[in-house]
Amino acid sequence: MRRITLEICVDDAAGIAAARAGGADRIELCAALALGGLTPSPGLMAQAAGCGLPAMAMIRPRAGDFCWTAPEVEMLCAEIRASRAAGLAGVVIGASHSDGRLDSDVLQRLVQEAQGMDITLHRAIDLVPDPEAAMRLIEGLGIRRVLSSGGAVRAEAGIARLQAMARAAPLVSVMPGGGVSGTNVAVFARALPLREIHGSASDPVPPPALAAVTAFGFQPQGARKTDAAKVRALRGALDGIAAG
């Protein structure tokens, strides 16, 4: 098996450094991972552009669902342009209808805006009622990677759906994410045509020295930080699979 690409999601400069030190191949660059990831700031984009790894910017201007209003679509397009101007490799996009189906019109607009960049469709796919139809739509739009937990909280519980997704659109790389670690990556390698995998490789952030930081909401409950040792363990497990 050829080398399996390891993507690590990060939301600060320390996370970029930890991902690189641990042997990540690519980063998903976000703000506010505690909220599922939002569009990163221009400063963080600049840090990532110079880190030596390809960086995919999350394009998500707010928390919540992926049903975008017309003004929000304009924001999404502006954020894609900012990612391009910063020199990032690609963007991570998604758009839904209120029933969870992918919004093909908005996605087409975003794909056109990101022309020439690498594109991942994010976990909006985990909300769709018909994942196989969604995969055919993605393939038709020219998107060649989708991040998914298989519709489960943890990807290991969503393997059957991930398998069906991979069968439905062979040109699209199904990249498992959600509860991925060095201890379970072999499960995905056995079940899927695994080309790449996504993880946070993180630990809880210690409580701040000043309790008011949390009390005022400056640091969210459940905040986590990228751990280079966990990245390294993931990389080692993937290399072991490729060599086996």
Protein backbone atom coordinates (compact mmCIF):
# COMPACT_ATOMS: atom_id res chain seq x y z
CA MET A 1 0.00 0.00 0.00
CA ARG A 2 1.28 3.46 -0.83
CA ARG A 3 1.73 6.13 1.84
CA ILE A 4 -1.56 7.15 3.44
CA THR A 5 -1.88 10.92 3.72
CA LEU A 6 -2.34 12.19 7.27
CA GLU A 7 -4.32 15.41 7.64
CA ILE A 8 -4.40 17.08 11.06
CA CYS A 9 -6.91 19.79 11.96
CA VAL A 10 -5.46 22.75 13.87
CA ASP A 11 -6.71 26.11 15.05
CA ASP A 12 -3.63 27.99 16.22
CA ALA A 13 0.06 28.53 15.54
CA ALA A 14 1.08 25.95 18.16
CA GLY A 15 -1.13 23.39 16.42
CA ILE A 16 0.56 24.06 13.08
CA ALA A 17 3.95 23.48 14.70
CA ALA A 18 2.81 20.30 16.46
CA ALA A 19 1.29 18.86 13.28
CA ARG A 20 4.50 19.47 11.38
CA ALA A 21 6.71 18.09 14.16
CA GLY A 22 4.59 14.94 14.39
CA GLY A 23 4.84 14.12 10.70
CA ALA A 24 1.51 15.31 9.29
CA ASP A 25 1.28 15.54 5.50
CA ARG A 26 -1.36 18.26 5.40
CA ILE A 27 -3.30 20.50 7.79
CA GLU A 28 -6.91 21.53 7.88
CA LEU A 29 -6.70 25.11 9.12
CA CYS A 30 -9.55 26.36 11.28
CA ALA A 31 -10.53 28.79 13.96
CA ALA A 32 -12.53 27.53 16.95
CA LEU A 33 -12.24 23.76 16.65
CA ALA A 34 -14.37 23.54 19.79
CA LEU A 35 -17.24 24.71 17.53
CA GLY A 36 -16.40 22.24 14.79
CA GLY A 37 -14.07 24.66 13.00
CA LEU A 38 -14.65 28.13 11.58
CA THR A 39 -12.83 30.17 8.94
CA PRO A 40 -9.30 30.97 10.15
CA SER A 41 -8.06 34.54 10.53
CA PRO A 42 -5.75 36.19 7.97
CA GLY A 43 -2.92 35.99 10.49
CA LEU A 44 -3.35 32.24 10.97
CA MET A 45 -3.57 31.79 7.20
CA ALA A 46 -0.25 33.60 6.87
CA GLN A 47 1.33 31.33 9.49
CA ALA A 48 0.08 28.23 7.70
CA ALA A 49 1.17 29.41 4.27
CA GLY A 50 4.77 29.47 5.47
CA CYS A 51 4.76 26.25 7.48
CA GLY A 52 5.98 23.89 4.77
CA LEU A 53 2.80 21.78 4.68
CA PRO A 54 -0.20 22.11 2.35
CA ALA A 55 -3.00 23.86 4.25
CA MET A 56 -6.73 23.55 3.62
CA ALA A 57 -8.74 26.47 5.03
CA MET A 58 -12.11 25.74 6.56
CA ILE A 59 -14.69 28.01 4.91
CA ARG A 60 -17.41 28.40 7.53
CA PRO A 61 -18.19 31.91 8.80
CA ARG A 62 -20.39 30.88 11.72
CA ALA A 63 -21.29 27.96 13.96
CA GLY A 64 -24.47 25.99 13.44
CA ASP A 65 -25.86 24.39 10.31
CA PHE A 66 -24.67 24.73 6.72
CA CYS A 67 -27.78 26.42 5.29
CA TRP A 68 -26.32 29.64 3.96
CA THR A 69 -28.22 32.86 3.25
CA ALA A 70 -27.35 34.94 0.18
CA PRO A 71 -25.18 37.35 2.23
CA GLU A 72 -23.41 34.36 3.82
CA VAL A 73 -22.67 32.88 0.39
CA GLU A 74 -20.94 36.15 -0.49
CA MET A 75 -18.93 35.78 2.73
CA LEU A 76 -17.97 32.22 1.80
CA CYS A 77 -16.74 33.38 -1.59
CA ALA A 78 -14.76 36.22 -0.02
CA GLU A 79 -13.15 33.76 2.40
CA ILE A 80 -12.17 31.47 -0.47
CA ARG A 81 -10.56 34.44 -2.22
CA ALA A 82 -8.70 35.32 1.00
CA SER A 83 -7.41 31.74 1.27
CA ARG A 84 -6.16 31.87 -2.30
CA ALA A 85 -4.51 35.25 -1.73
CA ALA A 86 -2.78 33.90 1.39
CA GLY A 87 -1.19 31.15 -0.68
CA LEU A 88 -3.05 28.20 0.87
CA ALA A 89 -3.37 24.95 -1.04
CA GLY A 90 -7.10 24.58 -0.81
CA VAL A 91 -10.40 25.02 0.96
CA VAL A 92 -12.90 22.91 2.89
CA ILE A 93 -16.50 23.69 1.94
CA GLY A 94 -20.06 22.50 2.44
CA ALA A 95 -23.64 23.70 1.95
CA SER A 96 -26.95 22.11 2.89
CA HIS A 97 -30.68 22.46 2.56
CA SER A 98 -32.77 22.45 5.74
CA ASP A 99 -33.50 18.73 5.34
CA GLY A 100 -29.78 17.90 5.21
CA ARG A 101 -29.48 17.39 1.45
CA LEU A 102 -26.47 19.07 -0.13
CA ASP A 103 -27.22 22.42 -1.77
CA SER A 104 -25.88 21.84 -5.27
CA ASP A 105 -26.37 25.46 -6.40
CA VAL A 106 -24.31 26.92 -3.56
CA LEU A 107 -21.69 24.19 -3.86
CA GLN A 108 -21.32 24.88 -7.56
CA ARG A 109 -20.77 28.56 -6.83
CA LEU A 110 -18.12 27.73 -4.23
CA VAL A 111 -16.36 25.24 -6.51
CA GLN A 112 -16.22 27.87 -9.24
CA GLU A 113 -14.77 30.39 -6.77
CA ALA A 114 -12.14 27.85 -5.71
CA GLN A 115 -11.19 26.82 -9.24
CA GLY A 116 -7.58 25.65 -9.35
CA MET A 117 -7.43 25.01 -5.58
CA ASP A 118 -7.66 21.68 -3.77
CA ILE A 119 -11.22 21.17 -2.44
CA THR A 120 -12.59 19.01 0.38
CA LEU A 121 -16.30 18.69 1.14
CA HIS A 122 -16.66 18.75 4.92
CA ARG A 123 -18.91 16.87 7.31
CA ALA A 124 -22.08 18.44 5.97
CA ILE A 125 -22.07 15.06 4.20
CA ASP A 126 -22.84 13.44 7.56
CA LEU A 127 -26.24 15.17 7.65
CA VAL A 128 -27.51 13.95 4.28
CA PRO A 129 -30.43 11.48 4.15
CA ASP A 130 -29.01 9.70 1.06
CA PRO A 131 -25.21 9.56 1.21
CA GLU A 132 -24.82 7.65 -2.04
CA ALA A 133 -26.78 10.27 -4.00
CA ALA A 134 -24.74 12.97 -2.27
CA MET A 135 -21.52 11.28 -3.34
CA ARG A 136 -22.66 11.16 -6.97
CA LEU A 137 -23.45 14.88 -6.74
CA ILE A 138 -20.00 15.61 -5.28
CA GLU A 139 -18.33 13.59 -8.02
CA GLY A 140 -20.29 15.47 -10.67
CA LEU A 141 -19.18 18.81 -9.24
CA GLY A 142 -15.55 17.78 -9.58
CA ILE A 143 -14.87 17.58 -5.83
CA ARG A 144 -12.39 14.78 -5.26
CA ARG A 145 -12.31 14.48 -1.46
CA VAL A 146 -14.94 14.26 1.26
CA LEU A 147 -14.36 14.28 5.02
CA SER A 148 -16.86 12.09 6.83
CA SER A 149 -17.51 10.15 10.01
CA GLY A 150 -20.01 7.99 8.16
CA GLY A 151 -22.91 9.83 9.78
CA ALA A 152 -21.85 8.70 13.25
CA VAL A 153 -20.34 10.67 16.12
CA ARG A 154 -17.20 8.55 15.75
CA ALA A 155 -16.10 7.30 12.33
CA GLU A 156 -15.45 3.78 13.58
CA ALA A 157 -19.22 3.40 14.11
CA GLY A 158 -19.93 4.73 10.60
CA ILE A 159 -17.81 2.33 8.57
CA ALA A 160 -20.72 0.70 6.70
CA ARG A 161 -21.87 4.11 5.47
CA LEU A 162 -18.30 5.09 4.58
CA GLN A 163 -18.01 1.92 2.51
CA ALA A 164 -21.26 2.68 0.66
CA MET A 165 -20.04 6.21 -0.01
CA ALA A 166 -16.76 4.94 -1.46
CA ARG A 167 -18.60 2.52 -3.74
CA ALA A 168 -20.98 5.21 -4.98
CA ALA A 169 -18.26 7.57 -6.23
CA PRO A 170 -14.94 5.84 -6.95
CA LEU A 171 -13.29 9.06 -8.11
CA VAL A 172 -13.84 10.70 -4.71
CA SER A 173 -11.48 9.96 -1.83
CA VAL A 174 -13.48 9.19 1.32
CA MET A 175 -11.35 10.55 4.16
CA PRO A 176 -12.49 9.20 7.56
CA GLY A 177 -12.49 11.68 10.44
CA GLY A 178 -13.98 11.69 13.92
CA GLY A 179 -12.37 9.77 16.76
CA VAL A 180 -9.44 8.65 14.58
CA SER A 181 -6.26 7.67 16.43
CA GLY A 182 -3.20 5.50 16.11
CA THR A 183 -5.09 2.66 17.79
CA ASN A 184 -7.91 2.37 15.25
CA VAL A 185 -6.57 3.47 11.85
CA ALA A 186 -6.07 -0.17 10.83
CA VAL A 187 -9.85 -0.64 11.02
CA PHE A 188 -10.31 1.96 8.28
CA ALA A 189 -7.48 0.56 6.18
CA ARG A 190 -9.12 -2.89 6.21
CA ALA A 191 -12.59 -1.57 5.36
CA LEU A 192 -11.89 1.17 2.82
CA PRO A 193 -9.71 2.05 -0.16
CA LEU A 194 -7.91 4.32 2.30
CA ARG A 195 -5.91 7.10 0.63
CA GLU A 196 -6.00 9.66 3.45
CA ILE A 197 -7.26 10.08 6.99
CA HIS A 198 -8.13 13.06 9.21
CA GLY A 199 -7.49 13.47 12.91
CA SER A 200 -7.20 16.06 15.63
CA ALA A 201 -4.47 14.24 17.61
CA SER A 202 -5.30 16.49 20.52
CA ASP A 203 -5.41 16.69 24.31
CA PRO A 204 -7.64 18.84 26.53
CA VAL A 205 -6.31 22.34 27.15
CA PRO A 206 -5.44 22.79 30.84
CA PRO A 207 -7.58 25.27 32.77
CA PRO A 208 -6.21 28.81 32.46
CA ALA A 209 -4.26 30.22 35.38
CA LEU A 210 -6.84 32.99 35.70
CA ALA A 211 -10.27 31.45 36.32
CA ALA A 212 -12.01 34.51 34.90
CA VAL A 213 -10.75 33.55 31.43
CA THR A 214 -13.15 30.60 31.47
CA ALA A 215 -15.88 32.34 33.44
CA PHE A 216 -16.07 35.14 30.87
CA GLY A 217 -16.15 32.64 28.01
CA PHE A 218 -12.75 33.59 26.59
CA GLN A 219 -11.76 29.89 26.58
CA PRO A 220 -14.60 27.48 25.73
CA GLN A 221 -15.35 24.36 27.70
CA GLY A 222 -13.85 21.35 25.94
CA ALA A 223 -11.03 23.28 24.28
CA ARG A 224 -8.24 21.03 23.00
CA LYS A 225 -4.72 21.42 21.65
CA THR A 226 -2.77 19.47 19.03
CA ASP A 227 -0.27 17.05 20.52
CA ALA A 228 2.84 16.26 18.44
CA ALA A 229 3.24 12.86 20.11
CA LYS A 230 -0.28 11.84 19.08
CA VAL A 231 0.35 13.05 15.55
CA ARG A 232 3.54 10.98 15.54
CA ALA A 233 1.65 7.91 16.79
CA LEU A 234 -0.89 8.29 14.00
CA ARG A 235 1.85 8.70 11.42
CA GLY A 236 3.65 5.63 12.73
CA ALA A 237 0.49 3.52 12.64
CA LEU A 238 -0.21 4.56 9.04
CA ASP A 239 3.36 3.83 7.99
CA GLY A 240 3.05 0.40 9.59
CA ILE A 241 -0.06 -0.30 7.55
CA ALA A 242 1.62 0.81 4.34
CA ALA A 243 4.61 -1.41 5.04
CA GLY A 244 2.52 -4.46 5.97
